[in-house]
Amino acid sequence: MAQTNRKTFIMFLLACLIGFFIVSVVEVLRSSFLAPVGPDVQPVSAVTSGEGGRPASFADLAERVKPAVVNISTTKVIRGRGGRSPFGGFPFERYFGDDFFERFFGDIPRREFKQQSLGSGFIISPDGYIFTNNHVVEQADKIVVRLSNGREYEAKVVGRDAKTDIALIKIKASEQLPVAELGDSDKLRVGDWVIAIGNPFGLEQTVTAGIVSAKGRVIGAGPYDDFIQTDASINPGNSGGPLFNMEGKVIGINTAIVAQGQGIGFAIPIAMAKNILSDLKAKGKVSRGWLGVSVQDVTEDMAKSMNLKDRQGAIVSEVFKGDPADRAGIRPGDVITEVQGKKIKNTHELLLAIASFHVGDKVLVKVLRDGREHVFTVTVSEREDRPEVAVAPGRYDDYGISVGDITPEIAEYLGVPRRSGVIVMKVRSGSPADEVGIQPQDIIVQVNKVKVTSVKDYNREMAKKGAKTSVVLLVKRGGATFFVALRRQ
């Protein structure tokens, strides 16, 4: 009896242990695969959706916007001589010229070569206006636009702007054209999802997706660089095609890639294209705003020497007489910090801001002058290319500069006014002046914002107490005028 009771107890104990083990395993599995849901913890989904988020699929978006995307093929005719003479390589042409046989045997037939290239674009109006890149259609003799439905139309160039690489072309279609809605690239944020549609390597209507990797990229493509960087796949043939946001609106024009890298593409913000659209339509080119100043970035030494709290803004190094800034009262040495309510961080931002205005616009420009803010109303004029002023070619001061008066001979040689400053004769190697790049034949116009017209003026200002430790010089070199800050070693 006792043995039977012991066996029963052992079996009961084993059953309890097995039951406890099963319950523990189930609990572990449940906690591993199911996230707790409560008032403070939300379930995590592998795919999010909604405004600004990644949809479960890009299919609906792509299907909706693809009809407005076009493929562009261009043909350029290159005319050249049709092959070499049957005696090519013999000394005749080497000594008598490559037209030797033409002079004796008449005109040699010219051969025409057709160079073809591919690009992309997108329709922006029902009557057939299309945005693309300037480099896609530049110098093309024939432009053919292929719609998503397969129909082809010959296009003409309405306007081009090489500085932004934007072109406007037009087709005359016999059908109602789908239109791509233009969005607001200024609201774009790094990390937003985007899709690119185009004609990479001739593969029509290719869709790629990615995110915005960066904004405001300067890649050296031109003076108005302000690219959107994306990792959405962009390849040759995508040029001129649209970059869409998740609302199906165009926020960029795909333009450039990094040849050595993958997942790095660049698009022109659509805001830039919209800003020049009216000029391209009306005049075929772009008229840009002009203040009439030369500017430079604020360096650390300049900020300290000019008692600026930070390096924000653009220093006015020269004001062109009679131009808008001069008429408004802006002076050399002013630091432009704001234009029409927009903060200015550096000269590139100032250039972009002014270029966005139209001729005749009245713009509020805020500057710092001697520690105080001033606001000027400037009427923007049209930017024109200005010729460069040619430049040709004592005792050292504390900063390693030797200066001289501008004689009539020097003034005539340099093409400058007689009393326009003092000329740098020599720069001591390794001196503070040498380190910041001052060169012989530079003209020093100001010392610590005081105009100097002779060596006497220069020595007087350099002898002042403040100039013994640091000095800010306004220097003229050819057609450029700029500030340099020097500190004694």
Protein backbone atom coordinates (compact mmCIF):
# COMPACT_ATOMS: atom_id res chain seq x y z
CA MET A 1 0.00 0.00 0.00
CA ALA A 2 2.78 2.36 0.90
CA GLN A 3 4.55 1.54 -2.39
CA THR A 4 1.41 2.32 -4.37
CA ASN A 5 1.01 5.68 -2.64
CA ARG A 6 4.65 6.54 -3.41
CA LYS A 7 4.18 5.77 -7.10
CA THR A 8 1.01 7.88 -7.22
CA PHE A 9 2.83 10.80 -5.59
CA ILE A 10 5.76 10.56 -8.02
CA MET A 11 3.40 10.52 -11.03
CA PHE A 12 1.52 13.51 -9.65
CA LEU A 13 4.79 15.39 -9.15
CA LEU A 14 5.91 14.60 -12.72
CA ALA A 15 2.57 15.79 -14.10
CA CYS A 16 2.94 19.08 -12.20
CA LEU A 17 6.46 19.59 -13.54
CA ILE A 18 5.40 18.82 -17.11
CA GLY A 19 2.44 21.18 -16.79
CA PHE A 20 4.65 23.96 -15.40
CA PHE A 21 7.12 23.41 -18.27
CA ILE A 22 4.36 23.62 -20.92
CA VAL A 23 2.93 26.80 -19.39
CA SER A 24 6.40 28.40 -19.28
CA VAL A 25 7.14 27.57 -22.92
CA VAL A 26 3.78 28.96 -24.06
CA GLU A 27 4.39 32.17 -22.11
CA VAL A 28 7.88 32.58 -23.60
CA LEU A 29 6.57 32.05 -27.14
CA ARG A 30 3.67 34.43 -26.57
CA SER A 31 5.94 37.19 -25.21
CA SER A 32 8.41 36.69 -28.09
CA PHE A 33 5.92 37.03 -30.94
CA LEU A 34 3.24 39.30 -29.55
CA ALA A 35 3.98 42.89 -28.55
CA PRO A 36 2.12 44.03 -25.46
CA VAL A 37 -0.77 46.38 -26.17
CA GLY A 38 -1.89 48.85 -23.54
CA PRO A 39 -2.48 52.53 -22.94
CA ASP A 40 1.26 53.32 -23.03
CA VAL A 41 2.49 50.82 -25.64
CA GLN A 42 1.27 50.83 -29.25
CA PRO A 43 1.56 47.86 -31.61
CA VAL A 44 4.33 48.20 -34.20
CA SER A 45 3.47 47.53 -37.85
CA ALA A 46 6.09 46.47 -40.38
CA VAL A 47 4.55 48.81 -42.98
CA THR A 48 3.17 52.23 -42.07
CA SER A 49 0.80 54.29 -44.14
CA GLY A 50 -0.69 57.74 -44.15
CA GLU A 51 0.47 61.23 -45.03
CA GLY A 52 4.28 61.38 -45.30
CA GLY A 53 4.68 57.68 -44.53
CA ARG A 54 5.62 54.78 -46.72
CA PRO A 55 2.54 53.16 -48.27
CA ALA A 56 2.04 49.43 -48.40
CA SER A 57 2.77 49.76 -52.13
CA PHE A 58 3.81 52.52 -54.53
CA ALA A 59 1.64 50.98 -57.26
CA ASP A 60 -1.40 53.27 -56.92
CA LEU A 61 0.78 56.38 -56.81
CA ALA A 62 2.89 55.33 -59.79
CA GLU A 63 -0.20 54.42 -61.83
CA ARG A 64 -1.71 57.83 -61.14
CA VAL A 65 1.33 59.98 -62.06
CA LYS A 66 3.02 58.00 -64.85
CA PRO A 67 0.79 59.32 -67.69
CA ALA A 68 2.27 62.83 -67.25
CA VAL A 69 5.87 61.59 -67.57
CA VAL A 70 7.38 61.61 -71.07
CA ASN A 71 10.45 60.19 -72.74
CA ILE A 72 12.56 62.61 -74.78
CA SER A 73 14.88 61.59 -77.59
CA THR A 74 17.06 64.16 -79.31
CA THR A 75 19.06 64.13 -82.51
CA LYS A 76 22.02 66.34 -83.25
CA VAL A 77 23.53 66.40 -86.72
CA ILE A 78 27.34 66.59 -86.76
CA ARG A 79 28.77 67.57 -90.10
CA GLY A 80 32.31 66.54 -91.02
CA ARG A 81 34.46 65.44 -93.92
CA GLY A 82 33.48 62.05 -95.27
CA GLY A 83 36.58 60.02 -94.54
CA ARG A 84 40.23 60.61 -95.39
CA SER A 85 41.78 60.67 -98.86
CA PRO A 86 43.05 57.39 -100.34
CA PHE A 87 46.55 58.71 -99.66
CA GLY A 88 45.89 59.47 -95.99
CA GLY A 89 49.03 59.09 -93.94
CA PHE A 90 51.33 59.94 -96.83
CA PRO A 91 53.47 63.06 -96.51
CA PHE A 92 51.27 65.06 -98.93
CA GLU A 93 48.76 66.15 -96.32
CA ARG A 94 51.43 66.48 -93.65
CA TYR A 95 53.27 69.12 -95.67
CA PHE A 96 50.55 70.62 -97.86
CA GLY A 97 47.58 70.54 -95.51
CA ASP A 98 44.53 68.32 -95.15
CA ASP A 99 42.74 70.25 -97.96
CA PHE A 100 45.45 69.25 -100.51
CA PHE A 101 43.22 66.83 -102.42
CA GLU A 102 40.20 69.19 -102.27
CA ARG A 103 42.20 71.86 -104.13
CA PHE A 104 43.24 69.47 -106.87
CA PHE A 105 40.29 67.06 -107.13
CA GLY A 106 37.37 69.31 -106.14
CA ASP A 107 35.16 69.22 -103.09
CA ILE A 108 35.27 66.03 -101.10
CA PRO A 109 31.72 65.06 -100.03
CA ARG A 110 30.87 65.93 -96.41
CA ARG A 111 29.39 63.23 -94.23
CA GLU A 112 26.67 63.84 -91.67
CA PHE A 113 26.66 61.93 -88.42
CA LYS A 114 23.57 61.78 -86.26
CA GLN A 115 24.20 61.83 -82.53
CA GLN A 116 21.24 60.68 -80.48
CA SER A 117 20.57 60.93 -76.77
CA LEU A 118 17.77 60.15 -74.35
CA GLY A 119 16.18 62.00 -71.46
CA SER A 120 12.92 62.48 -69.61
CA GLY A 121 10.42 65.22 -68.88
CA PHE A 122 6.94 65.85 -67.51
CA ILE A 123 3.88 67.69 -68.83
CA ILE A 124 2.89 70.78 -66.82
CA SER A 125 -0.06 72.08 -68.87
CA PRO A 126 -2.82 70.54 -71.02
CA ASP A 127 -1.63 72.55 -74.05
CA GLY A 128 1.69 70.71 -74.14
CA TYR A 129 4.31 72.60 -72.09
CA ILE A 130 6.94 70.23 -70.70
CA PHE A 131 9.73 70.71 -68.16
CA THR A 132 13.05 68.96 -68.70
CA ASN A 133 16.78 69.62 -68.28
CA ASN A 134 18.63 72.10 -70.45
CA HIS A 135 21.40 69.59 -71.10
CA VAL A 136 18.82 67.14 -72.52
CA VAL A 137 17.74 69.47 -75.36
CA GLU A 138 20.71 71.82 -75.72
CA GLN A 139 21.94 72.10 -79.34
CA ALA A 140 19.47 69.42 -80.49
CA ASP A 141 18.37 69.62 -84.11
CA LYS A 142 15.32 67.46 -83.50
CA ILE A 143 13.39 66.67 -80.31
CA VAL A 144 10.84 63.87 -80.17
CA VAL A 145 8.55 63.41 -77.16
CA ARG A 146 7.01 60.00 -76.54
CA LEU A 147 3.96 59.86 -74.26
CA SER A 148 3.13 57.00 -71.91
CA ASN A 149 0.49 55.78 -74.39
CA GLY A 150 3.14 55.41 -77.10
CA ARG A 151 2.19 58.46 -79.20
CA GLU A 152 5.10 60.58 -80.44
CA TYR A 153 5.26 64.32 -81.14
CA GLU A 154 8.01 66.61 -82.31
CA ALA A 155 8.79 69.32 -79.79
CA LYS A 156 10.28 72.79 -79.97
CA VAL A 157 12.33 74.61 -77.34
CA VAL A 158 10.42 77.51 -75.77
CA GLY A 159 13.09 78.62 -73.31
CA ARG A 160 16.33 77.46 -71.71
CA ASP A 161 18.37 78.44 -68.68
CA ALA A 162 21.86 76.93 -68.57
CA LYS A 163 22.61 78.30 -65.08
CA THR A 164 19.88 76.18 -63.48
CA ASP A 165 19.87 73.46 -66.18
CA ILE A 166 16.13 73.90 -66.76
CA ALA A 167 14.40 73.93 -70.15
CA LEU A 168 10.81 74.41 -71.27
CA ILE A 169 9.68 72.64 -74.44
CA LYS A 170 6.27 72.33 -76.12
CA ILE A 171 4.37 69.84 -78.23
CA LYS A 172 1.14 70.22 -80.22
CA ALA A 173 -0.90 67.15 -79.35
CA SER A 174 -4.15 65.96 -80.89
CA GLU A 175 -5.38 64.65 -77.57
CA GLN A 176 -6.08 65.81 -74.04
CA LEU A 177 -2.78 65.70 -72.19
CA PRO A 178 -2.38 64.52 -68.58
CA VAL A 179 -0.65 67.03 -66.32
CA ALA A 180 1.77 66.58 -63.42
CA GLU A 181 0.80 68.70 -60.44
CA LEU A 182 3.62 70.88 -59.12
CA GLY A 183 4.22 70.71 -55.38
CA ASP A 184 6.06 72.79 -52.79
CA SER A 185 9.71 71.74 -52.52
CA ASP A 186 10.28 74.21 -49.66
CA LYS A 187 8.16 71.99 -47.39
CA LEU A 188 10.18 68.89 -48.22
CA ARG A 189 12.00 67.33 -45.27
CA VAL A 190 15.02 65.06 -45.08
CA GLY A 191 13.69 61.53 -44.69
CA ASP A 192 10.50 62.05 -46.76
CA TRP A 193 9.67 59.29 -49.22
CA VAL A 194 9.91 60.14 -52.93
CA ILE A 195 9.67 58.30 -56.24
CA ALA A 196 11.47 59.05 -59.52
CA ILE A 197 10.05 58.18 -62.93
CA GLY A 198 12.02 58.40 -66.16
CA ASN A 199 13.79 56.75 -69.05
CA PRO A 200 17.08 55.35 -67.64
CA PHE A 201 19.18 53.65 -70.32
CA GLY A 202 16.14 53.81 -72.62
CA LEU A 203 13.98 51.71 -70.27
CA GLU A 204 10.73 53.64 -70.53
CA GLN A 205 8.54 54.56 -67.54
CA THR A 206 10.94 53.15 -64.95
CA VAL A 207 9.83 53.82 -61.35
CA THR A 208 12.30 53.94 -58.46
CA ALA A 209 11.71 54.87 -54.83
CA GLY A 210 13.80 56.27 -52.00
CA ILE A 211 13.98 59.07 -49.50
CA VAL A 212 15.23 62.63 -49.44
CA SER A 213 18.81 62.30 -48.22
CA ALA A 214 19.64 66.01 -47.95
CA LYS A 215 18.57 69.47 -49.10
CA GLY A 216 20.47 72.51 -50.33
CA ARG A 217 23.35 70.54 -51.81
CA VAL A 218 26.02 72.53 -53.68
CA ILE A 219 27.81 70.24 -56.14
CA GLY A 220 29.56 72.77 -58.38
CA ALA A 221 27.10 72.44 -61.27
CA GLY A 222 26.43 76.19 -61.42
CA PRO A 223 26.04 79.44 -59.45
CA TYR A 224 22.52 78.55 -58.30
CA ASP A 225 23.15 75.06 -56.92
CA ASP A 226 20.46 74.12 -54.41
CA PHE A 227 19.91 70.43 -55.07
CA ILE A 228 17.69 67.89 -53.37
CA GLN A 229 19.76 64.76 -52.72
CA THR A 230 17.93 61.44 -52.91
CA ASP A 231 18.76 57.76 -52.82
CA ALA A 232 15.96 56.96 -55.28
CA SER A 233 17.82 55.30 -58.15
CA ILE A 234 18.68 57.87 -60.88
CA ASN A 235 20.66 56.91 -63.96
CA PRO A 236 21.54 58.32 -67.41
CA GLY A 237 18.22 58.91 -69.17
CA ASN A 238 16.45 59.99 -65.95
CA SER A 239 17.62 63.57 -66.59
CA GLY A 240 14.68 65.95 -66.78
CA GLY A 241 12.24 63.52 -65.23
CA PRO A 242 10.12 64.26 -62.16
CA LEU A 243 10.73 63.48 -58.50
CA PHE A 244 7.32 62.99 -56.81
CA ASN A 245 6.33 63.19 -53.17
CA MET A 246 3.79 60.81 -51.65
CA GLU A 247 0.95 63.13 -52.63
CA GLY A 248 1.83 62.65 -56.28
CA LYS A 249 3.12 66.19 -56.70
CA VAL A 250 6.40 67.05 -58.44
CA ILE A 251 8.92 68.42 -55.96
CA GLY A 252 12.06 68.15 -58.10
CA ILE A 253 13.57 67.68 -61.55
CA ASN A 254 16.07 64.80 -61.64
CA THR A 255 19.33 66.19 -62.97
CA ALA A 256 22.64 64.72 -61.81
CA ILE A 257 24.31 61.67 -60.35
CA VAL A 258 27.63 60.91 -58.70
CA ALA A 259 29.45 58.70 -61.17
CA GLN A 260 31.57 56.98 -58.50
CA GLY A 261 28.73 56.37 -56.07
CA GLN A 262 25.46 54.48 -55.84
CA GLY A 263 22.28 55.73 -54.27
CA ILE A 264 23.26 59.38 -54.69
CA GLY A 265 21.18 61.45 -57.09
CA PHE A 266 20.34 65.13 -57.30
CA ALA A 267 17.18 66.98 -58.30
CA ILE A 268 16.48 70.67 -58.88
CA PRO A 269 13.81 71.92 -56.43
CA ILE A 270 10.56 72.54 -58.30
CA ALA A 271 10.31 75.95 -56.59
CA MET A 272 13.27 77.09 -58.69
CA ALA A 273 11.59 75.89 -61.89
CA LYS A 274 8.27 77.53 -61.02
CA ASN A 275 10.04 80.79 -60.30
CA ILE A 276 11.54 81.04 -63.82
CA LEU A 277 8.59 79.54 -65.72
CA SER A 278 7.05 82.89 -66.71
CA ASP A 279 10.39 84.18 -68.05
CA LEU A 280 10.99 81.01 -70.06
CA LYS A 281 7.51 81.26 -71.58
CA ALA A 282 7.60 84.96 -72.35
CA LYS A 283 11.24 85.60 -73.25
CA GLY A 284 12.90 82.23 -73.74
CA LYS A 285 15.52 83.15 -71.13
CA VAL A 286 15.70 84.23 -67.50
CA SER A 287 16.14 87.76 -66.16
CA ARG A 288 17.63 87.60 -62.68
CA GLY A 289 17.66 90.09 -59.86
CA TRP A 290 20.71 92.24 -59.14
CA LEU A 291 21.57 94.26 -56.03
CA GLY A 292 24.79 95.74 -57.32
CA VAL A 293 27.15 94.47 -54.63
CA SER A 294 30.10 92.14 -54.24
CA VAL A 295 29.87 89.98 -51.12
CA GLN A 296 31.90 87.40 -49.24
CA ASP A 297 31.37 84.94 -46.41
CA VAL A 298 32.09 85.90 -42.82
CA THR A 299 35.19 84.13 -41.50
CA GLU A 300 35.92 83.49 -37.84
CA ASP A 301 38.61 86.20 -37.77
CA MET A 302 36.32 88.70 -39.49
CA ALA A 303 33.53 87.99 -36.99
CA LYS A 304 35.91 88.69 -34.10
CA SER A 305 37.47 91.76 -35.68
CA MET A 306 34.09 93.26 -36.61
CA ASN A 307 32.52 92.36 -33.24
CA LEU A 308 29.90 90.11 -34.82
CA LYS A 309 28.18 87.60 -32.54
CA ASP A 310 28.39 84.82 -35.17
CA ARG A 311 29.33 84.10 -38.78
CA GLN A 312 25.82 84.44 -40.18
CA GLY A 313 25.30 86.72 -43.18
CA ALA A 314 27.27 88.05 -46.14
CA ILE A 315 29.73 90.95 -45.92
CA VAL A 316 29.34 93.63 -48.58
CA SER A 317 32.85 94.17 -49.93
CA GLU A 318 31.92 96.51 -52.78
CA VAL A 319 28.90 98.57 -53.79
CA PHE A 320 28.68 99.45 -57.48
CA LYS A 321 27.99 103.12 -57.99
CA GLY A 322 24.52 103.89 -59.31
CA ASP A 323 23.22 100.34 -58.83
CA PRO A 324 20.26 99.39 -56.56
CA ALA A 325 22.21 98.86 -53.31
CA ASP A 326 24.08 102.15 -53.77
CA ARG A 327 20.84 104.05 -54.37
CA ALA A 328 19.30 102.43 -51.29
CA GLY A 329 22.20 103.42 -49.01
CA ILE A 330 24.00 100.11 -48.44
CA ARG A 331 27.75 100.52 -47.85
CA PRO A 332 30.88 98.36 -47.98
CA GLY A 333 31.32 96.62 -44.62
CA ASP A 334 27.59 96.12 -44.07
CA VAL A 335 26.68 92.51 -43.24
CA ILE A 336 23.48 91.42 -44.98
CA THR A 337 21.60 89.15 -42.57
CA GLU A 338 18.08 89.07 -44.01
CA VAL A 339 16.32 89.59 -47.34
CA GLN A 340 12.54 90.02 -47.43
CA GLY A 341 12.21 88.23 -44.10
CA LYS A 342 14.47 85.30 -45.07
CA LYS A 343 17.56 84.75 -42.93
CA ILE A 344 20.83 84.79 -44.87
CA LYS A 345 23.56 82.41 -43.68
CA ASN A 346 26.17 82.98 -46.38
CA THR A 347 26.85 84.44 -49.82
CA HIS A 348 25.35 81.43 -51.63
CA GLU A 349 22.04 81.88 -49.86
CA LEU A 350 22.09 85.60 -50.67
CA LEU A 351 22.73 84.86 -54.35
CA LEU A 352 19.81 82.40 -54.46
CA ALA A 353 17.51 84.82 -52.65
CA ILE A 354 18.20 87.79 -54.91
CA ALA A 355 18.03 85.66 -58.07
CA SER A 356 14.52 84.59 -57.09
CA PHE A 357 13.20 88.15 -57.35
CA HIS A 358 12.03 89.80 -60.55
CA VAL A 359 13.28 93.04 -62.02
CA GLY A 360 11.45 95.94 -60.39
CA ASP A 361 10.61 94.10 -57.16
CA LYS A 362 11.06 96.17 -54.00
CA VAL A 363 12.94 94.09 -51.44
CA LEU A 364 13.62 94.73 -47.76
CA VAL A 365 17.28 94.11 -46.95
CA LYS A 366 18.40 93.99 -43.30
CA VAL A 367 22.07 94.68 -42.53
CA LEU A 368 24.34 94.96 -39.52
CA ARG A 369 26.41 98.15 -39.47
CA ASP A 370 28.66 98.89 -36.50
CA GLY A 371 26.61 96.56 -34.31
CA ARG A 372 23.24 98.10 -35.19
CA GLU A 373 20.53 96.78 -37.51
CA HIS A 374 19.40 98.84 -40.49
CA VAL A 375 16.71 98.00 -43.04
CA PHE A 376 16.87 99.29 -46.62
CA THR A 377 14.32 99.06 -49.42
CA VAL A 378 16.12 98.03 -52.59
CA THR A 379 14.53 98.04 -56.04
CA VAL A 380 15.93 95.01 -57.83
CA SER A 381 17.41 95.56 -61.29
CA GLU A 382 18.42 93.04 -63.95
CA ARG A 383 21.67 91.18 -63.52
CA GLU A 384 24.13 91.72 -66.33
CA ASP A 385 27.52 90.15 -66.96
CA ARG A 386 30.20 92.65 -65.98
CA PRO A 387 33.64 92.72 -67.55
CA GLU A 388 36.62 92.00 -65.34
CA VAL A 389 38.99 94.86 -64.65
CA ALA A 390 42.52 93.92 -65.72
CA VAL A 391 45.28 93.98 -63.12
CA ALA A 392 49.01 94.20 -63.62
CA PRO A 393 51.72 94.86 -61.31
CA GLY A 394 59.10 100.18 -48.51
CA ARG A 395 59.14 98.81 -45.26
CA TYR A 396 57.04 95.88 -43.97
CA ASP A 397 54.37 96.68 -41.41
CA ASP A 398 53.40 94.48 -38.45
CA TYR A 399 51.38 92.16 -40.70
CA GLY A 400 54.07 91.67 -43.35
CA ILE A 401 52.75 94.16 -45.94
CA SER A 402 54.75 96.78 -47.79
CA VAL A 403 52.57 99.40 -49.49
CA GLY A 404 53.11 102.33 -51.83
CA ASP A 405 51.18 105.27 -53.24
CA ILE A 406 49.35 104.77 -56.53
CA THR A 407 51.32 106.92 -58.96
CA PRO A 408 49.81 108.16 -62.25
CA GLU A 409 51.80 105.47 -64.06
CA ILE A 410 50.50 102.72 -61.76
CA ALA A 411 46.96 104.04 -62.02
CA GLU A 412 47.12 103.99 -65.82
CA TYR A 413 48.69 100.54 -65.84
CA LEU A 414 46.07 99.07 -63.48
CA GLY A 415 43.19 101.06 -64.91
CA VAL A 416 42.18 102.47 -61.52
CA PRO A 417 41.60 106.01 -60.17
CA ARG A 418 44.67 107.86 -58.95
CA ARG A 419 43.63 108.04 -55.27
CA SER A 420 41.70 104.78 -54.96
CA GLY A 421 43.84 103.34 -52.15
CA VAL A 422 47.38 102.10 -51.65
CA ILE A 423 49.07 99.37 -53.66
CA VAL A 424 50.66 96.31 -52.07
CA MET A 425 54.27 96.26 -53.21
CA LYS A 426 55.55 93.21 -51.32
CA VAL A 427 54.29 90.56 -48.89
CA ARG A 428 56.68 88.91 -46.46
CA SER A 429 56.67 85.12 -46.74
CA GLY A 430 54.98 83.41 -43.78
CA SER A 431 53.47 86.65 -42.48
CA PRO A 432 49.80 87.05 -41.46
CA ALA A 433 49.16 88.84 -44.78
CA ASP A 434 50.75 85.97 -46.69
CA GLU A 435 48.65 83.40 -44.83
CA VAL A 436 45.35 85.04 -45.82
CA GLY A 437 46.41 85.38 -49.44
CA ILE A 438 47.24 89.07 -49.90
CA GLN A 439 49.31 89.53 -53.05
CA PRO A 440 51.50 92.19 -54.63
CA GLN A 441 49.45 94.56 -56.83
CA ASP A 442 46.41 94.23 -54.54
CA ILE A 443 44.93 97.63 -53.69
CA ILE A 444 44.01 98.29 -50.06
CA VAL A 445 40.95 100.53 -50.04
CA GLN A 446 40.07 100.60 -46.33
CA VAL A 447 41.70 99.92 -42.98
CA ASN A 448 39.16 99.03 -40.27
CA LYS A 449 36.40 100.61 -42.43
CA VAL A 450 38.31 103.88 -42.82
CA LYS A 451 39.06 104.86 -46.42
CA VAL A 452 42.74 105.30 -47.24
CA THR A 453 44.06 107.07 -50.34
CA SER A 454 47.78 107.34 -49.53
CA VAL A 455 50.57 105.67 -47.59
CA LYS A 456 50.21 108.44 -45.02
CA ASP A 457 46.54 107.52 -44.47
CA TYR A 458 47.43 103.84 -44.31
CA ASN A 459 50.21 104.30 -41.73
CA ARG A 460 47.97 106.52 -39.60
CA GLU A 461 45.21 103.92 -39.40
CA MET A 462 47.66 101.07 -38.84
CA ALA A 463 49.25 102.99 -35.97
CA LYS A 464 45.99 103.23 -34.04
CA LYS A 465 45.70 101.20 -30.87
CA GLY A 466 43.15 98.70 -32.17
CA ALA A 467 45.15 97.97 -35.30
CA LYS A 468 48.15 96.82 -33.30
CA THR A 469 46.56 93.41 -32.59
CA SER A 470 44.05 92.92 -35.40
CA VAL A 471 42.90 94.70 -38.53
CA VAL A 472 40.25 94.32 -41.23
CA LEU A 473 41.33 95.41 -44.71
CA LEU A 474 39.14 96.01 -47.75
CA VAL A 475 41.16 94.80 -50.71
CA LYS A 476 40.54 95.31 -54.42
CA ARG A 477 41.96 92.76 -56.86
CA GLY A 478 40.98 93.20 -60.49
CA GLY A 479 37.20 93.28 -60.67
CA ALA A 480 36.78 91.79 -57.17
CA THR A 481 36.68 93.57 -53.84
CA PHE A 482 36.81 91.65 -50.56
CA PHE A 483 37.59 91.91 -46.85
CA VAL A 484 40.43 90.14 -45.06
CA ALA A 485 40.96 89.96 -41.32
CA LEU A 486 44.55 89.92 -40.01
CA ARG A 487 45.81 89.08 -36.53
CA ARG A 488 49.35 89.57 -35.29
CA GLN A 489 51.27 86.36 -34.71
